Amino acid sequence: MKFSLNKILKYVSSLPGSPEISHTQLSEIEQKIAQFGAYFTGIIISKIFSVITNIYIGRTLGPNIFGQITMVLLLAGFLNIPMTGGWGVAFVRLGAAEDNEKKQFDILKSVLFISVFFTILFTLLLWISAPVLRELFAVDKTMMTLTILITVTSAWYSLSKLISQGFQDWRNYVFIENAWAFIILGLVIVFFLCSMKTYYHVIWIFAFAYTASSFFSFYYFYNAVRQGCIKKDTVSDVLKRGTLLMSTGLLSMTAFSLDRIIINRFLDSTEVGIYQAHFFATYGVISTLTSIFFNYVFPLLCRSDSEKKDKLINLVFKVSYPFLIIISVSAGGLIMFMFNYRFSPWLFITLSLFNAVQFHVQLKAWILASKSIYSTRLVLGGQIVFFIVNIIVLTAFISSLGILAGGIALLAAALGSLLYFFIKTKRIN
């Protein structure tokens, strides 16, 4: 593998007009390619586990129970953001910028202190407000209790991954992802073979998997706690950055959760299950590829000189549309066939188109976020546009179009955000 990479890189550097690559640069490029290869392979393996698990659960339990499981996991993903989400992302920003390991652990200790405080606070608030939330989200008492359980466990699972990301420990990040996916698949098979086939059992499996896989970041937790006293300045910095990031995360998660929440309220959990199968088959698969790009490739691309970076980004824009649509249709079609649920061709098409447009929106947002504070505010503006368009289209068409309204709303929201970015960036330029 090393020899072939070396040979390819030397050949590329020998082409007319290509810059000469030194031996040291060659070694660094080889190392980055090898690291990315390991990261990419690990994430793809975890996604394969996840796809198998979702199809197995969906086919075995049917769309009604699959819809109930979807609602619990979806609500938990939204409600856990104030617990650890914003603070964890703040650590990624602050920790990754520090070369001094002691300072990184100082920041992490403040993040853990804040996360523990807000986990306890919001767990109590969820228990107190449970009757109101049940009415708001149209779920029963058992589902609300399980949602609170998943909210807490998934919050610390997410934090453990964000900590690995902040330390640029991609090996641990991939290990956590795979451990979680493997534990769920293994336990689901065991439970189903033992005739324990309810959404209650599945949710407890998810809770256990979240908790168990979080312990793979114990080294970072332990070393952070061993640091000296918590510094007020660091806590203040994390709170300041984390609050803005939490607000952005809540808005983004709300926009992406609205479709299934509204479908559950206006229709029923069976329709949620059918819609989720379509959504998972298309966006669920594509989001793996886009997250790999934004987590690993995009930061490297941004380190190129300005002219080269612009050319590469323009190339990505052009290639992404046909590539993502083809992958979405082919992989998504196969997954929908394996789910064996009622198939909605128009919903499938709108979600496949949404994947390509949404990637363009995300890329625009990342480029803006890497510039000035004003540009960062434009990203928040784009998310507000997405949210408003999404909720207007959903509520307007859910009664007449059913679950198809969810796909149309997402596509319209993504197009609205993209138009907003084009108008605003044109004014800047």
Protein backbone atom coordinates (compact mmCIF):
# COMPACT_ATOMS: atom_id res chain seq x y z
CA MET A 1 0.00 0.00 0.00
CA LYS A 2 2.74 2.44 0.97
CA PHE A 3 4.81 1.61 -2.12
CA SER A 4 1.86 2.12 -4.47
CA LEU A 5 0.93 5.45 -2.88
CA ASN A 6 4.52 6.59 -3.10
CA LYS A 7 4.61 5.65 -6.76
CA ILE A 8 1.34 7.43 -7.58
CA LEU A 9 2.36 10.63 -5.79
CA LYS A 10 5.76 10.70 -7.50
CA TYR A 11 4.08 10.20 -10.88
CA VAL A 12 1.62 13.06 -10.23
CA SER A 13 4.48 15.38 -9.20
CA SER A 14 6.37 14.54 -12.39
CA LEU A 15 3.50 15.70 -14.64
CA PRO A 16 4.03 19.00 -16.52
CA GLY A 17 2.96 21.98 -14.45
CA SER A 18 2.82 19.99 -11.18
CA PRO A 19 4.82 21.30 -8.19
CA GLU A 20 7.77 19.22 -7.08
CA ILE A 21 7.11 17.18 -3.96
CA SER A 22 9.96 16.71 -1.50
CA HIS A 23 10.60 13.45 0.35
CA THR A 24 9.28 14.96 3.60
CA GLN A 25 6.12 16.27 1.92
CA LEU A 26 5.66 12.89 0.26
CA SER A 27 5.75 11.14 3.64
CA GLU A 28 3.28 13.63 5.13
CA ILE A 29 0.85 13.17 2.21
CA GLU A 30 1.13 9.38 2.47
CA GLN A 31 0.42 9.57 6.20
CA LYS A 32 -2.65 11.76 5.70
CA ILE A 33 -3.99 9.46 2.98
CA ALA A 34 -3.45 6.41 5.22
CA GLN A 35 -5.18 8.17 8.17
CA PHE A 36 -8.11 9.21 6.02
CA GLY A 37 -8.37 5.68 4.59
CA ALA A 38 -8.61 4.22 8.09
CA TYR A 39 -11.15 6.86 9.16
CA PHE A 40 -13.27 6.41 6.02
CA THR A 41 -13.25 2.61 6.31
CA GLY A 42 -14.19 2.73 9.99
CA ILE A 43 -17.11 5.11 9.46
CA ILE A 44 -18.42 3.09 6.49
CA ILE A 45 -18.29 -0.13 8.55
CA SER A 46 -20.28 1.52 11.38
CA LYS A 47 -22.84 2.77 8.83
CA ILE A 48 -23.20 -0.75 7.38
CA PHE A 49 -23.92 -2.04 10.91
CA SER A 50 -26.47 0.77 11.35
CA VAL A 51 -28.21 0.06 8.02
CA ILE A 52 -28.46 -3.67 8.81
CA THR A 53 -29.84 -2.89 12.29
CA ASN A 54 -32.46 -0.43 11.04
CA ILE A 55 -33.66 -2.77 8.30
CA TYR A 56 -33.78 -5.72 10.72
CA ILE A 57 -35.75 -3.73 13.32
CA GLY A 58 -38.03 -2.18 10.68
CA ARG A 59 -38.85 -5.47 8.93
CA THR A 60 -39.30 -7.43 12.17
CA LEU A 61 -41.41 -4.93 14.11
CA GLY A 62 -43.27 -3.24 11.24
CA PRO A 63 -43.74 0.46 10.42
CA ASN A 64 -45.95 1.25 13.45
CA ILE A 65 -43.39 0.23 16.10
CA PHE A 66 -40.52 1.45 13.91
CA GLY A 67 -42.29 4.83 13.88
CA GLN A 68 -42.52 4.84 17.69
CA ILE A 69 -38.81 4.07 18.01
CA THR A 70 -38.09 6.85 15.51
CA MET A 71 -40.06 9.36 17.59
CA VAL A 72 -38.19 8.49 20.81
CA LEU A 73 -34.76 8.73 19.16
CA LEU A 74 -35.73 11.87 17.27
CA LEU A 75 -37.02 13.72 20.33
CA ALA A 76 -33.97 12.64 22.35
CA GLY A 77 -31.66 13.96 19.64
CA PHE A 78 -33.38 17.34 19.93
CA LEU A 79 -33.69 17.49 23.73
CA ASN A 80 -30.08 16.43 24.46
CA ILE A 81 -28.54 19.48 22.73
CA PRO A 82 -28.80 21.80 25.80
CA MET A 83 -27.18 19.09 27.95
CA THR A 84 -23.91 18.56 26.08
CA GLY A 85 -24.30 19.56 22.41
CA GLY A 86 -23.26 23.21 22.45
CA TRP A 87 -20.52 22.69 25.02
CA GLY A 88 -19.10 19.69 23.16
CA VAL A 89 -18.94 21.61 19.86
CA ALA A 90 -17.31 24.51 21.75
CA PHE A 91 -14.61 22.07 22.88
CA VAL A 92 -14.03 20.97 19.28
CA ARG A 93 -13.42 24.62 18.35
CA LEU A 94 -11.30 25.49 21.42
CA GLY A 95 -9.53 22.16 21.92
CA ALA A 96 -8.53 21.67 18.30
CA ALA A 97 -6.95 25.14 18.25
CA GLU A 98 -4.67 24.30 21.23
CA ASP A 99 -1.36 22.49 20.83
CA ASN A 100 -0.72 22.30 24.57
CA GLU A 101 -2.33 19.12 25.95
CA LYS A 102 -2.61 20.52 29.50
CA LYS A 103 -4.59 23.51 28.21
CA GLN A 104 -6.81 21.14 26.24
CA PHE A 105 -7.61 19.19 29.42
CA ASP A 106 -8.24 22.47 31.28
CA ILE A 107 -10.83 23.37 28.66
CA LEU A 108 -12.30 19.86 28.78
CA LYS A 109 -12.67 20.02 32.57
CA SER A 110 -14.76 23.20 32.19
CA VAL A 111 -16.81 21.52 29.43
CA LEU A 112 -17.47 18.48 31.67
CA PHE A 113 -18.43 20.70 34.62
CA ILE A 114 -20.90 22.68 32.48
CA SER A 115 -22.25 19.49 30.83
CA VAL A 116 -22.90 17.76 34.17
CA PHE A 117 -24.67 20.86 35.49
CA PHE A 118 -26.92 21.24 32.44
CA THR A 119 -27.60 17.49 32.22
CA ILE A 120 -28.95 17.48 35.78
CA LEU A 121 -30.85 20.74 35.26
CA PHE A 122 -32.52 19.74 31.99
CA THR A 123 -33.29 16.19 33.18
CA LEU A 124 -35.23 17.71 36.10
CA LEU A 125 -36.96 20.13 33.74
CA LEU A 126 -37.94 17.27 31.43
CA TRP A 127 -39.47 15.30 34.32
CA ILE A 128 -41.42 18.33 35.52
CA SER A 129 -42.63 19.33 32.06
CA ALA A 130 -43.29 15.75 30.86
CA PRO A 131 -47.14 16.12 30.79
CA VAL A 132 -46.87 19.24 28.62
CA LEU A 133 -44.29 17.63 26.31
CA ARG A 134 -46.46 14.50 25.91
CA GLU A 135 -49.31 16.67 24.67
CA LEU A 136 -47.03 18.76 22.45
CA PHE A 137 -45.35 15.80 20.74
CA ALA A 138 -48.41 13.49 20.82
CA VAL A 139 -46.65 10.63 22.69
CA ASP A 140 -47.79 8.50 25.64
CA LYS A 141 -46.31 8.40 29.16
CA THR A 142 -44.06 5.37 28.52
CA MET A 143 -42.62 6.92 25.35
CA MET A 144 -41.90 10.16 27.21
CA THR A 145 -40.10 8.30 30.01
CA LEU A 146 -38.00 6.37 27.49
CA THR A 147 -37.29 9.61 25.65
CA ILE A 148 -35.80 11.14 28.81
CA LEU A 149 -33.65 8.01 29.29
CA ILE A 150 -32.34 8.17 25.71
CA THR A 151 -31.88 11.94 25.95
CA VAL A 152 -29.38 11.61 28.82
CA THR A 153 -27.48 8.58 27.48
CA SER A 154 -27.27 9.90 23.91
CA ALA A 155 -26.09 13.30 25.19
CA TRP A 156 -22.98 11.78 26.75
CA TYR A 157 -22.43 9.52 23.78
CA SER A 158 -22.39 12.61 21.55
CA LEU A 159 -20.05 14.39 23.96
CA SER A 160 -17.62 11.46 23.97
CA LYS A 161 -17.39 11.67 20.16
CA LEU A 162 -16.98 15.44 20.20
CA ILE A 163 -14.14 15.09 22.72
CA SER A 164 -12.35 12.66 20.40
CA GLN A 165 -12.92 15.12 17.56
CA GLY A 166 -11.51 17.98 19.64
CA PHE A 167 -8.33 15.99 20.34
CA GLN A 168 -8.25 14.91 16.66
CA ASP A 169 -8.27 11.32 17.93
CA TRP A 170 -10.03 9.86 14.90
CA ARG A 171 -9.16 6.31 15.91
CA ASN A 172 -11.15 6.66 19.13
CA TYR A 173 -13.95 8.48 17.27
CA VAL A 174 -14.31 5.59 14.82
CA PHE A 175 -14.04 3.03 17.63
CA ILE A 176 -16.91 4.69 19.54
CA GLU A 177 -19.08 4.73 16.39
CA ASN A 178 -18.41 1.06 15.67
CA ALA A 179 -18.79 -0.07 19.28
CA TRP A 180 -22.20 1.61 19.46
CA ALA A 181 -23.38 0.13 16.14
CA PHE A 182 -22.05 -3.37 16.92
CA ILE A 183 -23.56 -3.46 20.44
CA ILE A 184 -27.00 -2.48 19.12
CA LEU A 185 -26.96 -5.01 16.28
CA GLY A 186 -25.73 -7.81 18.57
CA LEU A 187 -28.28 -7.15 21.32
CA VAL A 188 -31.17 -6.65 18.88
CA ILE A 189 -30.46 -10.07 17.35
CA VAL A 190 -30.29 -11.70 20.82
CA PHE A 191 -33.44 -9.97 22.10
CA PHE A 192 -35.46 -10.76 18.98
CA LEU A 193 -34.39 -14.41 19.07
CA CYS A 194 -35.64 -14.47 22.66
CA SER A 195 -39.00 -13.06 21.49
CA MET A 196 -38.43 -9.68 23.17
CA LYS A 197 -39.77 -7.65 20.24
CA THR A 198 -41.19 -4.37 21.50
CA TYR A 199 -40.09 -0.77 21.08
CA TYR A 200 -39.51 -0.79 24.87
CA HIS A 201 -36.78 -3.46 24.53
CA VAL A 202 -35.20 -1.72 21.53
CA ILE A 203 -34.99 1.63 23.35
CA TRP A 204 -33.27 0.00 26.33
CA ILE A 205 -30.77 -1.56 23.93
CA PHE A 206 -30.03 1.89 22.47
CA ALA A 207 -29.64 3.34 25.98
CA PHE A 208 -27.17 0.62 26.94
CA ALA A 209 -25.20 1.04 23.70
CA TYR A 210 -24.96 4.82 24.18
CA THR A 211 -23.72 4.36 27.76
CA ALA A 212 -21.25 1.55 27.04
CA SER A 213 -19.63 3.21 24.01
CA SER A 214 -19.26 6.52 25.89
CA PHE A 215 -16.76 4.84 28.21
CA PHE A 216 -14.24 4.65 25.37
CA SER A 217 -13.53 8.33 26.10
CA PHE A 218 -12.89 7.54 29.79
CA TYR A 219 -9.18 8.37 29.35
CA TYR A 220 -10.09 11.94 28.45
CA PHE A 221 -12.70 12.22 31.22
CA TYR A 222 -10.25 10.92 33.81
CA ASN A 223 -7.35 13.16 32.79
CA ALA A 224 -9.58 16.22 32.65
CA VAL A 225 -10.91 15.62 36.18
CA ARG A 226 -7.32 15.24 37.44
CA GLN A 227 -6.47 18.78 36.37
CA GLY A 228 -6.35 21.61 38.89
CA CYS A 229 -9.18 23.95 39.80
CA ILE A 230 -11.68 24.99 37.18
CA LYS A 231 -10.76 28.37 35.72
CA LYS A 232 -13.54 30.97 35.60
CA ASP A 233 -12.23 32.50 32.38
CA THR A 234 -12.30 29.12 30.63
CA VAL A 235 -15.82 28.37 31.91
CA SER A 236 -16.96 31.80 30.71
CA ASP A 237 -15.40 31.25 27.27
CA VAL A 238 -17.02 27.81 26.88
CA LEU A 239 -20.41 29.18 28.00
CA LYS A 240 -20.18 32.13 25.61
CA ARG A 241 -19.25 30.04 22.59
CA GLY A 242 -21.37 27.06 23.55
CA THR A 243 -24.57 29.09 24.00
CA LEU A 244 -24.41 30.41 20.43
CA LEU A 245 -23.51 26.96 19.07
CA MET A 246 -26.30 25.37 21.14
CA SER A 247 -28.83 27.87 19.73
CA THR A 248 -27.68 27.08 16.19
CA GLY A 249 -27.81 23.33 16.90
CA LEU A 250 -31.32 23.54 18.38
CA LEU A 251 -32.59 25.48 15.39
CA SER A 252 -30.99 23.04 12.95
CA MET A 253 -32.24 19.95 14.80
CA THR A 254 -35.74 21.41 15.13
CA ALA A 255 -35.86 22.07 11.39
CA PHE A 256 -34.81 18.48 10.65
CA SER A 257 -37.22 16.99 13.21
CA LEU A 258 -40.34 18.89 12.22
CA ASP A 259 -41.34 16.53 9.41
CA ARG A 260 -41.68 13.45 11.61
CA ILE A 261 -43.13 15.36 14.58
CA ILE A 262 -45.86 16.89 12.40
CA ILE A 263 -46.49 13.57 10.60
CA ASN A 264 -46.91 11.91 14.01
CA ARG A 265 -49.36 14.60 15.15
CA PHE A 266 -51.46 14.88 11.97
CA LEU A 267 -51.24 11.25 10.82
CA ASP A 268 -49.89 8.40 13.03
CA SER A 269 -46.75 6.45 14.03
CA THR A 270 -47.19 4.01 11.12
CA GLU A 271 -46.81 6.89 8.66
CA VAL A 272 -43.80 8.09 10.67
CA GLY A 273 -42.26 4.63 10.26
CA ILE A 274 -42.83 4.59 6.48
CA TYR A 275 -41.51 8.15 6.12
CA GLN A 276 -38.47 7.32 8.28
CA ALA A 277 -37.64 4.33 6.07
CA HIS A 278 -37.54 6.65 3.03
CA PHE A 279 -35.58 9.30 4.94
CA PHE A 280 -33.06 6.78 6.30
CA ALA A 281 -32.61 5.12 2.90
CA THR A 282 -31.76 8.44 1.23
CA TYR A 283 -30.51 11.13 3.62
CA GLY A 284 -29.33 8.62 6.24
CA VAL A 285 -26.88 7.08 3.76
CA ILE A 286 -25.77 10.33 2.11
CA SER A 287 -25.24 12.10 5.46
CA THR A 288 -22.48 9.57 6.22
CA LEU A 289 -20.54 10.64 3.13
CA THR A 290 -21.15 14.35 3.72
CA SER A 291 -20.14 14.13 7.40
CA ILE A 292 -16.89 12.42 6.37
CA PHE A 293 -16.28 15.28 3.93
CA PHE A 294 -17.01 18.05 6.44
CA ASN A 295 -15.26 16.42 9.42
CA TYR A 296 -12.08 15.37 7.66
CA VAL A 297 -11.69 16.57 4.06
CA PHE A 298 -13.04 20.13 4.18
CA PRO A 299 -10.60 21.40 6.89
CA LEU A 300 -7.69 20.08 4.76
CA LEU A 301 -9.15 21.67 1.64
CA CYS A 302 -9.37 25.05 3.44
CA ARG A 303 -5.64 25.01 4.13
CA SER A 304 -4.90 25.32 0.40
CA ASP A 305 -4.04 28.75 -0.99
CA SER A 306 -7.04 30.92 -1.88
CA GLU A 307 -6.95 30.42 -5.67
CA LYS A 308 -6.51 26.65 -5.45
CA LYS A 309 -9.19 26.39 -2.76
CA ASP A 310 -11.76 28.26 -4.89
CA LYS A 311 -11.07 25.96 -7.86
CA LEU A 312 -11.43 22.84 -5.72
CA ILE A 313 -14.66 24.07 -4.14
CA ASN A 314 -16.16 24.91 -7.54
CA LEU A 315 -15.22 21.41 -8.72
CA VAL A 316 -16.91 19.91 -5.65
CA PHE A 317 -20.08 21.92 -6.39
CA LYS A 318 -20.23 20.61 -9.97
CA VAL A 319 -19.49 16.98 -9.14
CA SER A 320 -21.64 16.73 -6.00
CA TYR A 321 -25.07 16.96 -7.70
CA PRO A 322 -24.84 13.98 -10.09
CA PHE A 323 -22.73 11.97 -7.62
CA LEU A 324 -25.07 12.38 -4.62
CA ILE A 325 -28.24 11.85 -6.66
CA ILE A 326 -26.89 8.64 -8.23
CA ILE A 327 -25.73 7.28 -4.83
CA SER A 328 -28.99 8.29 -3.18
CA VAL A 329 -31.17 6.62 -5.82
CA SER A 330 -29.12 3.41 -6.13
CA ALA A 331 -28.31 2.80 -2.44
CA GLY A 332 -31.65 4.18 -1.28
CA GLY A 333 -33.61 2.02 -3.72
CA LEU A 334 -31.87 -1.11 -2.45
CA ILE A 335 -32.50 -0.20 1.20
CA MET A 336 -36.18 0.53 0.55
CA PHE A 337 -36.49 -2.86 -1.19
CA MET A 338 -35.06 -4.53 1.93
CA PHE A 339 -37.40 -2.60 4.26
CA ASN A 340 -40.34 -3.95 2.22
CA TYR A 341 -42.56 -1.03 3.28
CA ARG A 342 -45.08 0.84 1.16
CA PHE A 343 -43.01 2.75 -1.39
CA SER A 344 -43.70 6.39 -2.31
CA PRO A 345 -41.83 7.19 -5.57
CA TRP A 346 -42.36 10.95 -5.35
CA LEU A 347 -41.21 11.10 -1.72
CA PHE A 348 -38.13 9.09 -2.66
CA ILE A 349 -37.35 11.46 -5.58
CA THR A 350 -37.80 14.65 -3.52
CA LEU A 351 -35.57 13.31 -0.72
CA SER A 352 -32.90 12.27 -3.24
CA LEU A 353 -32.93 15.78 -4.77
CA PHE A 354 -32.89 17.26 -1.27
CA ASN A 355 -29.64 15.40 -0.51
CA ALA A 356 -27.80 17.13 -3.36
CA VAL A 357 -29.20 20.62 -2.65
CA GLN A 358 -28.62 20.31 1.11
CA PHE A 359 -24.96 19.40 0.55
CA HIS A 360 -24.60 22.62 -1.47
CA VAL A 361 -26.24 24.54 1.40
CA GLN A 362 -23.92 22.94 3.98
CA LEU A 363 -20.84 23.67 1.91
CA LYS A 364 -21.90 27.31 1.54
CA ALA A 365 -22.51 27.49 5.30
CA TRP A 366 -19.11 25.99 6.17
CA ILE A 367 -17.34 28.41 3.82
CA LEU A 368 -19.17 31.37 5.40
CA ALA A 369 -18.53 30.11 8.95
CA SER A 370 -14.78 30.05 8.27
CA LYS A 371 -14.76 33.78 7.41
CA SER A 372 -15.89 36.82 9.44
CA ILE A 373 -18.35 37.10 12.33
CA TYR A 374 -20.85 38.71 9.91
CA SER A 375 -20.55 35.68 7.63
CA THR A 376 -21.16 33.40 10.62
CA ARG A 377 -24.39 35.30 11.32
CA LEU A 378 -25.45 34.65 7.73
CA VAL A 379 -25.24 30.91 8.49
CA LEU A 380 -27.74 31.39 11.31
CA GLY A 381 -29.91 33.40 8.90
CA GLY A 382 -29.82 30.52 6.42
CA GLN A 383 -30.99 28.11 9.13
CA ILE A 384 -33.84 30.45 10.06
CA VAL A 385 -34.94 30.55 6.40
CA PHE A 386 -34.76 26.71 6.28
CA PHE A 387 -36.89 26.46 9.44
CA ILE A 388 -39.55 28.95 8.30
CA VAL A 389 -39.96 27.51 4.78
CA ASN A 390 -40.01 23.96 6.16
CA ILE A 391 -42.76 24.58 8.71
CA ILE A 392 -44.91 26.64 6.27
CA VAL A 393 -44.81 23.99 3.52
CA LEU A 394 -45.31 21.11 5.97
CA THR A 395 -48.36 22.56 7.69
CA ALA A 396 -49.84 23.70 4.36
CA PHE A 397 -49.63 20.33 2.59
CA ILE A 398 -49.56 17.59 5.27
CA SER A 399 -53.36 17.09 5.20
CA SER A 400 -53.62 16.85 1.41
CA LEU A 401 -50.30 15.16 0.47
CA GLY A 402 -49.56 13.05 3.56
CA ILE A 403 -45.92 12.02 4.04
CA LEU A 404 -44.96 13.44 0.62
CA ALA A 405 -45.31 16.89 2.24
CA GLY A 406 -42.24 16.08 4.36
CA GLY A 407 -40.01 15.55 1.33
CA ILE A 408 -41.37 18.60 -0.53
CA ALA A 409 -40.92 20.77 2.59
CA LEU A 410 -37.27 19.71 3.03
CA LEU A 411 -36.46 20.32 -0.65
CA ALA A 412 -38.20 23.73 -0.61
CA ALA A 413 -36.40 24.68 2.63
CA ALA A 414 -33.00 23.72 1.21
CA LEU A 415 -33.65 25.70 -1.98
CA GLY A 416 -34.80 28.67 0.10
CA SER A 417 -31.59 28.59 2.19
CA LEU A 418 -29.44 28.28 -0.92
CA LEU A 419 -31.19 31.27 -2.53
CA TYR A 420 -30.69 33.26 0.70
CA PHE A 421 -26.94 32.49 0.69
CA PHE A 422 -26.58 33.46 -2.98
CA ILE A 423 -28.36 36.81 -2.43
CA LYS A 424 -26.41 37.67 0.73
CA THR A 425 -22.97 36.61 -0.56
CA LYS A 426 -23.58 38.55 -3.80
CA ARG A 427 -24.07 41.70 -1.74
CA ILE A 428 -20.86 41.03 0.22
CA ASN A 429 -18.87 40.60 -2.99
